[in-house]
Amino acid sequence: MTEIYFDNLTVEVSQPSGGASIWSDFLNRHGEGIHHVAFEVPRVDDAVAALEKHGGRRVMGVSGPSVFIDFDAEMGGGIELLPASQAAPEARAGADPGTTVAALGHLTSAIEPARLFWRGVLGTDVPAARDTRGVPFPADCGCDREAYIREVNIRTLTPGLNLIQPVGGVSVWRRLIERHEGLAYLQFNLPDQAALDARIARLLELGGVRTLGDAGAPYAYVDMQRQLGMTLLLVKTTPAR
């Protein structure tokens, strides 16, 4: 296992070894991808009991500090619970202080059950779904140009959580669901179009494939499945006024 540090998130990159495990089971079912999200909580046992009431199944951790709750049917992965640290956060070697993960993307074929699931798990209000149309596709995507998404953006978390349901014919979102329904991308915000274009260009140099957003668009999906087991969403932010 290795770890990649961002301002507000740690990405664990894990390779299963040995016999059967929750990690090898995920690879066998879904291939490479986002396996789980982790939350620090004040009382792990209480959080476990709450998640089990929402259909979660404890598959790792009994007396240890870390507990893994399986929610494969609901989110295509699981939730890890860790005791909240009482120590002040320390600067981590290798962390990029200017890079923050804005959101994780949960691709789902049925957004309302997904919305209700996260409302129950988080114990907070979750916005209603809304339709987003007119998204530009790359010229070579072979997509249904009328396809769009039904989405819910949850910002009570840091990073946030985007719930995405494809609507219509062939699209990048439908292809992501066909690969693996559940957590599918990380979103990074860039300060301006120049920074966005430069980051896209770098990812393409590394073998990524742009699957959403044409040239000059203020956002892009870049498929990094072969390199990272996920897609990256890059968005140009609008400065506050």
Protein backbone atom coordinates (compact mmCIF):
# COMPACT_ATOMS: atom_id res chain seq x y z
CA MET A 1 0.00 0.00 0.00
CA THR A 2 1.09 3.56 -0.67
CA GLU A 3 -0.59 6.85 0.19
CA ILE A 4 -1.06 10.04 -1.80
CA TYR A 5 -1.72 13.15 0.28
CA PHE A 6 -3.89 16.12 -0.64
CA ASP A 7 -4.94 19.10 1.45
CA ASN A 8 -8.12 17.42 2.66
CA LEU A 9 -7.93 13.78 1.61
CA THR A 10 -5.57 10.82 1.64
CA VAL A 11 -5.79 8.36 -1.25
CA GLU A 12 -4.66 4.84 -0.38
CA VAL A 13 -3.42 2.75 -3.30
CA SER A 14 -3.60 -0.92 -2.30
CA GLN A 15 -2.65 -4.18 -3.99
CA PRO A 16 -4.12 -7.33 -2.42
CA SER A 17 -1.74 -10.17 -1.67
CA GLY A 18 -2.25 -13.61 -0.19
CA GLY A 19 -5.66 -15.23 0.00
CA ALA A 20 -9.22 -13.96 0.00
CA SER A 21 -9.84 -10.49 1.45
CA ILE A 22 -12.20 -7.56 1.11
CA TRP A 23 -9.75 -6.03 -1.37
CA SER A 24 -9.36 -9.10 -3.59
CA ASP A 25 -13.13 -9.58 -3.49
CA PHE A 26 -13.63 -6.03 -4.79
CA LEU A 27 -11.13 -6.58 -7.61
CA ASN A 28 -12.81 -9.83 -8.61
CA ARG A 29 -16.25 -8.16 -8.73
CA HIS A 30 -15.43 -4.74 -10.14
CA GLY A 31 -11.85 -4.50 -11.31
CA GLU A 32 -9.63 -1.61 -10.26
CA GLY A 33 -11.40 1.40 -8.81
CA ILE A 34 -12.40 3.32 -5.69
CA HIS A 35 -12.93 0.72 -2.98
CA HIS A 36 -14.17 2.78 -0.03
CA VAL A 37 -14.35 6.10 1.74
CA ALA A 38 -13.15 6.54 5.32
CA PHE A 39 -14.58 8.76 8.05
CA GLU A 40 -13.14 9.67 11.44
CA VAL A 41 -15.88 9.48 14.08
CA PRO A 42 -15.96 10.20 17.84
CA ARG A 43 -17.27 6.73 18.76
CA VAL A 44 -16.66 3.92 16.27
CA ASP A 45 -19.05 1.44 17.89
CA ASP A 46 -21.94 3.92 17.75
CA ALA A 47 -21.22 4.70 14.11
CA VAL A 48 -21.08 0.99 13.26
CA ALA A 49 -24.47 0.42 14.88
CA ALA A 50 -25.93 3.36 12.94
CA LEU A 51 -24.59 2.10 9.60
CA GLU A 52 -25.82 -1.44 10.27
CA LYS A 53 -29.33 0.02 10.67
CA HIS A 54 -28.99 1.31 7.10
CA GLY A 55 -28.11 -2.12 5.73
CA GLY A 56 -24.34 -2.10 6.20
CA ARG A 57 -22.49 -5.31 6.92
CA ARG A 58 -19.34 -5.37 9.05
CA VAL A 59 -16.72 -7.33 7.10
CA MET A 60 -13.50 -6.23 8.81
CA GLY A 61 -12.61 -5.06 12.29
CA VAL A 62 -13.95 -6.37 15.60
CA SER A 63 -11.77 -5.06 18.40
CA GLY A 64 -9.26 -3.03 16.37
CA PRO A 65 -9.38 0.70 15.72
CA SER A 66 -10.58 0.36 12.12
CA VAL A 67 -13.93 -1.11 11.07
CA PHE A 68 -15.03 -1.70 7.47
CA ILE A 69 -18.74 -1.70 6.61
CA ASP A 70 -19.76 -3.16 3.25
CA PHE A 71 -22.33 -1.25 1.18
CA ASP A 72 -21.65 -2.78 -2.22
CA ALA A 73 -25.32 -2.78 -3.26
CA GLU A 74 -25.83 0.85 -2.22
CA MET A 75 -22.54 2.57 -3.23
CA GLY A 76 -20.45 -0.04 -5.02
CA GLY A 77 -17.97 -0.28 -2.15
CA GLY A 78 -17.88 0.43 1.55
CA ILE A 79 -17.22 2.80 4.43
CA GLU A 80 -14.27 2.57 6.79
CA LEU A 81 -14.67 4.02 10.30
CA LEU A 82 -11.71 5.31 12.26
CA PRO A 83 -11.51 6.93 15.70
CA ALA A 84 -11.23 10.71 15.50
CA SER A 85 -7.69 11.88 16.15
CA GLN A 86 -7.21 14.09 19.18
CA ALA A 87 -3.81 15.31 18.04
CA ALA A 88 -3.27 18.46 16.00
CA PRO A 89 -2.76 17.63 12.32
CA GLU A 90 0.86 17.53 11.18
CA ALA A 91 2.23 18.51 7.78
CA ARG A 92 2.69 15.34 5.76
CA ALA A 93 5.74 14.72 3.61
CA GLY A 94 4.87 14.85 -0.06
CA ALA A 95 1.57 16.66 0.40
CA ASP A 96 0.76 19.34 -2.17
CA PRO A 97 -0.60 22.26 -0.12
CA GLY A 98 -2.27 23.75 -3.18
CA THR A 99 -4.26 20.71 -4.25
CA THR A 100 -7.65 20.00 -2.72
CA VAL A 101 -10.09 17.26 -3.67
CA ALA A 102 -13.38 19.09 -4.23
CA ALA A 103 -15.67 16.05 -4.40
CA LEU A 104 -16.05 12.34 -5.00
CA GLY A 105 -18.42 11.14 -7.69
CA HIS A 106 -20.96 8.37 -7.07
CA LEU A 107 -22.42 7.06 -10.35
CA THR A 108 -25.80 5.39 -9.90
CA SER A 109 -28.60 4.05 -12.09
CA ALA A 110 -31.23 5.22 -9.56
CA ILE A 111 -30.50 8.56 -7.94
CA GLU A 112 -33.37 8.74 -5.46
CA PRO A 113 -32.41 5.55 -3.55
CA ALA A 114 -28.79 6.77 -3.60
CA ARG A 115 -29.87 10.17 -2.26
CA LEU A 116 -31.87 8.58 0.55
CA PHE A 117 -28.99 6.24 1.35
CA TRP A 118 -26.54 9.09 1.83
CA ARG A 119 -29.10 11.14 3.77
CA GLY A 120 -29.44 8.27 6.22
CA VAL A 121 -25.73 7.53 6.45
CA LEU A 122 -24.73 11.16 6.91
CA GLY A 123 -27.66 12.06 9.13
CA THR A 124 -28.15 15.37 7.39
CA ASP A 125 -30.37 17.01 4.79
CA VAL A 126 -29.49 16.19 1.19
CA PRO A 127 -30.64 18.39 -1.72
CA ALA A 128 -33.21 17.18 -4.22
CA ALA A 129 -32.01 15.94 -7.60
CA ARG A 130 -31.80 18.34 -10.53
CA ASP A 131 -31.24 17.82 -14.24
CA THR A 132 -28.14 19.17 -15.99
CA ARG A 133 -28.37 19.32 -19.78
CA GLY A 134 -26.29 20.67 -22.62
CA VAL A 135 -22.97 19.25 -21.47
CA PRO A 136 -20.41 19.32 -24.32
CA PHE A 137 -18.97 15.99 -25.42
CA PRO A 138 -15.65 15.48 -27.24
CA ALA A 139 -16.10 15.14 -30.99
CA ASP A 140 -14.97 11.50 -30.99
CA CYS A 141 -16.97 10.29 -27.98
CA GLY A 142 -19.66 8.44 -29.97
CA CYS A 143 -22.26 9.75 -27.53
CA ASP A 144 -25.95 10.51 -27.66
CA ARG A 145 -25.79 14.31 -27.91
CA GLU A 146 -29.11 14.58 -26.09
CA ALA A 147 -27.89 12.57 -23.08
CA TYR A 148 -27.74 14.40 -19.76
CA ILE A 149 -27.46 13.75 -16.03
CA ARG A 150 -29.69 13.90 -12.98
CA GLU A 151 -27.49 14.95 -10.08
CA VAL A 152 -27.32 15.73 -6.37
CA ASN A 153 -24.41 17.74 -4.97
CA ILE A 154 -23.79 17.21 -1.26
CA ARG A 155 -21.59 19.88 0.26
CA THR A 156 -22.00 19.12 3.96
CA LEU A 157 -18.89 16.94 3.59
CA THR A 158 -15.30 17.93 2.93
CA PRO A 159 -14.65 16.89 0.24
CA GLY A 160 -18.17 16.95 -1.17
CA LEU A 161 -20.10 14.16 -2.83
CA ASN A 162 -21.68 14.23 -6.29
CA LEU A 163 -24.44 11.73 -7.09
CA ILE A 164 -24.84 11.23 -10.84
CA GLN A 165 -27.53 9.30 -12.74
CA PRO A 166 -27.21 9.05 -16.55
CA VAL A 167 -30.32 9.89 -18.56
CA GLY A 168 -30.67 9.11 -22.27
CA GLY A 169 -28.47 7.03 -24.53
CA VAL A 170 -24.73 6.39 -24.72
CA SER A 171 -22.64 8.79 -22.64
CA VAL A 172 -19.51 8.87 -20.53
CA TRP A 173 -21.68 8.47 -17.41
CA ARG A 174 -23.43 5.40 -18.76
CA ARG A 175 -20.08 3.89 -19.72
CA LEU A 176 -18.81 4.49 -16.20
CA ILE A 177 -21.84 2.69 -14.76
CA GLU A 178 -21.37 -0.22 -17.14
CA ARG A 179 -17.81 -0.50 -15.83
CA HIS A 180 -18.75 -0.23 -12.16
CA GLU A 181 -21.71 1.41 -10.45
CA GLY A 182 -20.56 3.33 -7.40
CA LEU A 183 -17.68 5.67 -6.55
CA ALA A 184 -16.04 6.53 -9.87
CA TYR A 185 -14.14 9.83 -9.85
CA LEU A 186 -12.33 12.51 -7.88
CA GLN A 187 -13.06 16.17 -8.63
CA PHE A 188 -10.33 18.82 -8.55
CA ASN A 189 -11.04 22.54 -8.92
CA LEU A 190 -8.61 24.74 -10.87
CA PRO A 191 -8.37 28.55 -10.48
CA ASP A 192 -8.63 29.52 -14.17
CA GLN A 193 -8.87 28.20 -17.71
CA ALA A 194 -5.10 28.25 -18.24
CA ALA A 195 -4.52 26.08 -15.17
CA LEU A 196 -7.34 23.77 -16.24
CA ASP A 197 -5.99 23.36 -19.77
CA ALA A 198 -2.47 22.74 -18.45
CA ARG A 199 -3.67 20.03 -16.05
CA ILE A 200 -5.72 18.34 -18.79
CA ALA A 201 -2.71 18.40 -21.13
CA ARG A 202 -0.51 16.81 -18.47
CA LEU A 203 -3.00 14.02 -17.83
CA LEU A 204 -3.28 13.35 -21.56
CA GLU A 205 0.53 13.12 -21.72
CA LEU A 206 0.32 10.46 -19.02
CA GLY A 207 -2.07 8.38 -21.12
CA GLY A 208 -5.43 9.75 -19.96
CA VAL A 209 -8.38 10.05 -22.32
CA ARG A 210 -10.67 13.07 -22.29
CA THR A 211 -14.24 11.75 -22.21
CA LEU A 212 -16.26 14.86 -21.35
CA GLY A 213 -15.95 18.52 -22.27
CA ASP A 214 -14.67 19.81 -25.60
CA ALA A 215 -11.72 22.17 -26.10
CA GLY A 216 -12.14 25.34 -24.06
CA ALA A 217 -14.92 23.95 -21.87
CA PRO A 218 -14.64 24.89 -18.17
CA TYR A 219 -14.50 21.24 -17.10
CA ALA A 220 -13.38 17.83 -18.29
CA TYR A 221 -13.56 14.18 -17.40
CA VAL A 222 -10.21 12.49 -18.00
CA ASP A 223 -10.34 8.69 -17.91
CA MET A 224 -7.34 7.40 -15.95
CA GLN A 225 -8.71 3.89 -15.48
CA ARG A 226 -5.57 2.17 -16.77
CA GLN A 227 -3.27 4.28 -14.59
CA LEU A 228 -5.37 4.92 -11.46
CA GLY A 229 -8.52 2.83 -11.70
CA MET A 230 -10.71 5.94 -11.81
CA THR A 231 -11.72 9.07 -13.72
CA LEU A 232 -10.64 12.59 -12.76
CA LEU A 233 -13.06 15.52 -13.05
CA LEU A 234 -11.34 18.88 -13.48
CA VAL A 235 -13.41 22.05 -13.03
CA LYS A 236 -12.57 25.72 -13.47
CA THR A 237 -13.92 27.55 -10.45
CA THR A 238 -15.50 30.99 -10.54
CA PRO A 239 -13.85 33.39 -8.07
CA ALA A 240 -16.14 34.73 -5.35
CA ARG A 241 -17.20 38.36 -5.74
